[in-house]
Every structure is written in structure tokens, then in C-alpha cells.
Amino acid sequence: MTEISKLTELRKLMQSMERTLGLEQLSPVERDIYYAAEELSKADQEVRTFGLIEHTLVQSVSRPTFFRALKSLVEKGYLSQSGTANRGRYIVHAPR
């Protein structure tokens, strides 16, 4: 099996898992932010905007696109603003 064949199989598996979890409705940027938030939330209950924007998965996303996608994730219920801080902190919720 070639390297590209392995990558193709991995991508198909990922798409299947995203469909199962209901993440296929998210844009690629929203998914990357959600994945980053999920990873960062393992260390702490809340995820900070600064940590998200510096995460490897979203470093190449422009600031306006990042904040539009972040707002969309909140509106869709995947993230919520933390009640313990004024802004810049989010809580990750499981996909529906």
C-alpha cells in the first residue's frame, strides 16, 4: 500500500467519524477550531481564545475568519462562553 493510499484510507475513516458525530455540518475551519478546543480542554475546563488562535490546527487561519468561525460554533452550541470570565474563555460541549 502506498503512502497516498494510506492517507486516503485515513481521510475516509475521519470523514466517517465526523459524520457519525454530526461534525460534517461544520466548515473545515469550524472543525479545526473545535478539534483544537477539545484538545486544549483536556488540561483545563475552559479554553482561552489565545490558546485556540495559537494552536497548530488554526495558526494559518486569518483572525477575521477565526472569530467568525468561533462565533458560529457558539451559536451552534459546540462551544459556550464561560460564565467565570468576561470574554475570551469557552467551554467545549460534546457534539449532538
C-alpha atoms as a PDB file:
ATOM      1  CA  MET A   1       0.000   0.000   0.000  1.00  0.00           C
ATOM      2  CA  THR A   2       1.440   3.377  -0.978  1.00  0.00           C
ATOM      3  CA  GLU A   3       1.661   6.325   1.396  1.00  0.00           C
ATOM      4  CA  ILE A   4      -1.079   8.178  -0.511  1.00  0.00           C
ATOM      5  CA  SER A   5      -3.310   5.102  -0.292  1.00  0.00           C
ATOM      6  CA  LYS A   6      -2.831   5.024   3.466  1.00  0.00           C
ATOM      7  CA  LEU A   7      -3.628   8.715   3.666  1.00  0.00           C
ATOM      8  CA  THR A   8      -6.752   8.196   1.556  1.00  0.00           C
ATOM      9  CA  GLU A   9      -7.972   5.446   3.887  1.00  0.00           C
ATOM     10  CA  LEU A  10      -7.276   7.620   6.918  1.00  0.00           C
ATOM     11  CA  ARG A  11      -9.207  10.526   5.378  1.00  0.00           C
ATOM     12  CA  LYS A  12     -12.193   8.267   4.611  1.00  0.00           C
ATOM     13  CA  LEU A  13     -12.154   6.988   8.180  1.00  0.00           C
ATOM     14  CA  MET A  14     -12.062  10.553   9.506  1.00  0.00           C
ATOM     15  CA  GLN A  15     -14.984  11.604   7.304  1.00  0.00           C
ATOM     16  CA  SER A  16     -16.975   8.625   8.539  1.00  0.00           C
ATOM     17  CA  MET A  17     -16.268   9.502  12.167  1.00  0.00           C
ATOM     18  CA  GLU A  18     -17.178  13.157  11.572  1.00  0.00           C
ATOM     19  CA  ARG A  19     -20.470  12.050  10.019  1.00  0.00           C
ATOM     20  CA  THR A  20     -21.182   9.755  12.969  1.00  0.00           C
ATOM     21  CA  LEU A  21     -20.511  12.573  15.445  1.00  0.00           C
ATOM     22  CA  GLY A  22     -22.508  15.115  13.451  1.00  0.00           C
ATOM     23  CA  LEU A  23     -19.480  17.253  12.665  1.00  0.00           C
ATOM     24  CA  GLU A  24     -19.873  17.129   8.879  1.00  0.00           C
ATOM     25  CA  GLN A  25     -22.161  20.165   9.035  1.00  0.00           C
ATOM     26  CA  LEU A  26     -19.265  22.306  10.271  1.00  0.00           C
ATOM     27  CA  SER A  27     -16.972  24.151   7.889  1.00  0.00           C
ATOM     28  CA  PRO A  28     -13.344  22.972   7.778  1.00  0.00           C
ATOM     29  CA  VAL A  29     -12.264  25.985   9.869  1.00  0.00           C
ATOM     30  CA  GLU A  30     -15.024  25.360  12.426  1.00  0.00           C
ATOM     31  CA  ARG A  31     -13.968  21.713  12.682  1.00  0.00           C
ATOM     32  CA  ASP A  32     -10.331  22.637  13.193  1.00  0.00           C
ATOM     33  CA  ILE A  33     -11.222  25.147  15.915  1.00  0.00           C
ATOM     34  CA  TYR A  34     -13.497  22.589  17.579  1.00  0.00           C
ATOM     35  CA  TYR A  35     -10.764  19.924  17.465  1.00  0.00           C
ATOM     36  CA  ALA A  36      -8.253  22.393  18.906  1.00  0.00           C
ATOM     37  CA  ALA A  37     -10.689  23.409  21.651  1.00  0.00           C
ATOM     38  CA  GLU A  38     -11.343  19.780  22.526  1.00  0.00           C
ATOM     39  CA  GLU A  39      -7.636  19.065  22.776  1.00  0.00           C
ATOM     40  CA  LEU A  40      -6.924  22.149  24.884  1.00  0.00           C
ATOM     41  CA  SER A  41      -9.876  21.500  27.193  1.00  0.00           C
ATOM     42  CA  LYS A  42      -8.260  18.264  28.401  1.00  0.00           C
ATOM     43  CA  ALA A  43      -5.836  20.272  30.532  1.00  0.00           C
ATOM     44  CA  ASP A  44      -8.411  22.739  31.847  1.00  0.00           C
ATOM     45  CA  GLN A  45     -12.192  23.114  31.889  1.00  0.00           C
ATOM     46  CA  GLU A  46     -12.062  26.362  29.965  1.00  0.00           C
ATOM     47  CA  VAL A  47     -10.353  27.105  26.679  1.00  0.00           C
ATOM     48  CA  ARG A  48      -8.843  30.534  26.118  1.00  0.00           C
ATOM     49  CA  THR A  49      -9.086  32.332  22.799  1.00  0.00           C
ATOM     50  CA  PHE A  50      -5.346  32.946  22.858  1.00  0.00           C
ATOM     51  CA  GLY A  51      -4.661  29.215  23.170  1.00  0.00           C
ATOM     52  CA  LEU A  52      -7.015  28.434  20.316  1.00  0.00           C
ATOM     53  CA  ILE A  53      -5.631  31.017  17.933  1.00  0.00           C
ATOM     54  CA  GLU A  54      -2.076  29.744  18.563  1.00  0.00           C
ATOM     55  CA  HIS A  55      -2.993  26.062  18.127  1.00  0.00           C
ATOM     56  CA  THR A  56      -1.280  24.220  15.256  1.00  0.00           C
ATOM     57  CA  LEU A  57      -4.597  23.374  13.581  1.00  0.00           C
ATOM     58  CA  VAL A  58      -5.675  27.010  13.250  1.00  0.00           C
ATOM     59  CA  GLN A  59      -2.433  29.009  13.076  1.00  0.00           C
ATOM     60  CA  SER A  60      -2.852  29.655   9.357  1.00  0.00           C
ATOM     61  CA  VAL A  61      -6.445  30.908   9.689  1.00  0.00           C
ATOM     62  CA  SER A  62      -6.862  34.672   9.412  1.00  0.00           C
ATOM     63  CA  ARG A  63      -8.120  36.483  12.516  1.00  0.00           C
ATOM     64  CA  PRO A  64     -11.441  37.570  10.950  1.00  0.00           C
ATOM     65  CA  THR A  65     -12.161  34.023   9.745  1.00  0.00           C
ATOM     66  CA  PHE A  66     -11.156  32.601  13.130  1.00  0.00           C
ATOM     67  CA  PHE A  67     -13.516  34.880  15.042  1.00  0.00           C
ATOM     68  CA  ARG A  68     -16.412  34.319  12.598  1.00  0.00           C
ATOM     69  CA  ALA A  69     -15.992  30.551  12.980  1.00  0.00           C
ATOM     70  CA  LEU A  70     -15.676  30.846  16.767  1.00  0.00           C
ATOM     71  CA  LYS A  71     -18.911  32.853  16.913  1.00  0.00           C
ATOM     72  CA  SER A  72     -20.612  30.266  14.696  1.00  0.00           C
ATOM     73  CA  LEU A  73     -19.501  27.412  16.991  1.00  0.00           C
ATOM     74  CA  VAL A  74     -21.041  29.265  19.951  1.00  0.00           C
ATOM     75  CA  GLU A  75     -24.288  29.850  18.019  1.00  0.00           C
ATOM     76  CA  LYS A  76     -24.422  26.168  17.052  1.00  0.00           C
ATOM     77  CA  GLY A  77     -23.847  25.050  20.650  1.00  0.00           C
ATOM     78  CA  TYR A  78     -20.452  23.378  20.223  1.00  0.00           C
ATOM     79  CA  LEU A  79     -18.834  25.983  22.489  1.00  0.00           C
ATOM     80  CA  SER A  80     -20.237  28.374  25.061  1.00  0.00           C
ATOM     81  CA  GLN A  81     -18.748  31.407  26.703  1.00  0.00           C
ATOM     82  CA  SER A  82     -17.570  30.757  30.222  1.00  0.00           C
ATOM     83  CA  GLY A  83     -19.611  32.309  32.980  1.00  0.00           C
ATOM     84  CA  THR A  84     -16.497  32.900  35.084  1.00  0.00           C
ATOM     85  CA  ALA A  85     -14.843  35.408  32.760  1.00  0.00           C
ATOM     86  CA  ASN A  86     -15.969  38.445  30.809  1.00  0.00           C
ATOM     87  CA  ARG A  87     -14.791  37.093  27.463  1.00  0.00           C
ATOM     88  CA  GLY A  88     -12.111  35.049  25.788  1.00  0.00           C
ATOM     89  CA  ARG A  89     -12.879  31.814  27.630  1.00  0.00           C
ATOM     90  CA  TYR A  90     -15.016  28.994  26.300  1.00  0.00           C
ATOM     91  CA  ILE A  91     -16.387  25.651  27.417  1.00  0.00           C
ATOM     92  CA  VAL A  92     -16.415  22.765  24.945  1.00  0.00           C
ATOM     93  CA  HIS A  93     -19.616  20.767  24.549  1.00  0.00           C
ATOM     94  CA  ALA A  94     -19.960  17.293  23.067  1.00  0.00           C
ATOM     95  CA  PRO A  95     -21.344  17.127  19.527  1.00  0.00           C
ATOM     96  CA  ARG A  96     -25.056  16.494  19.282  1.00  0.00           C
END
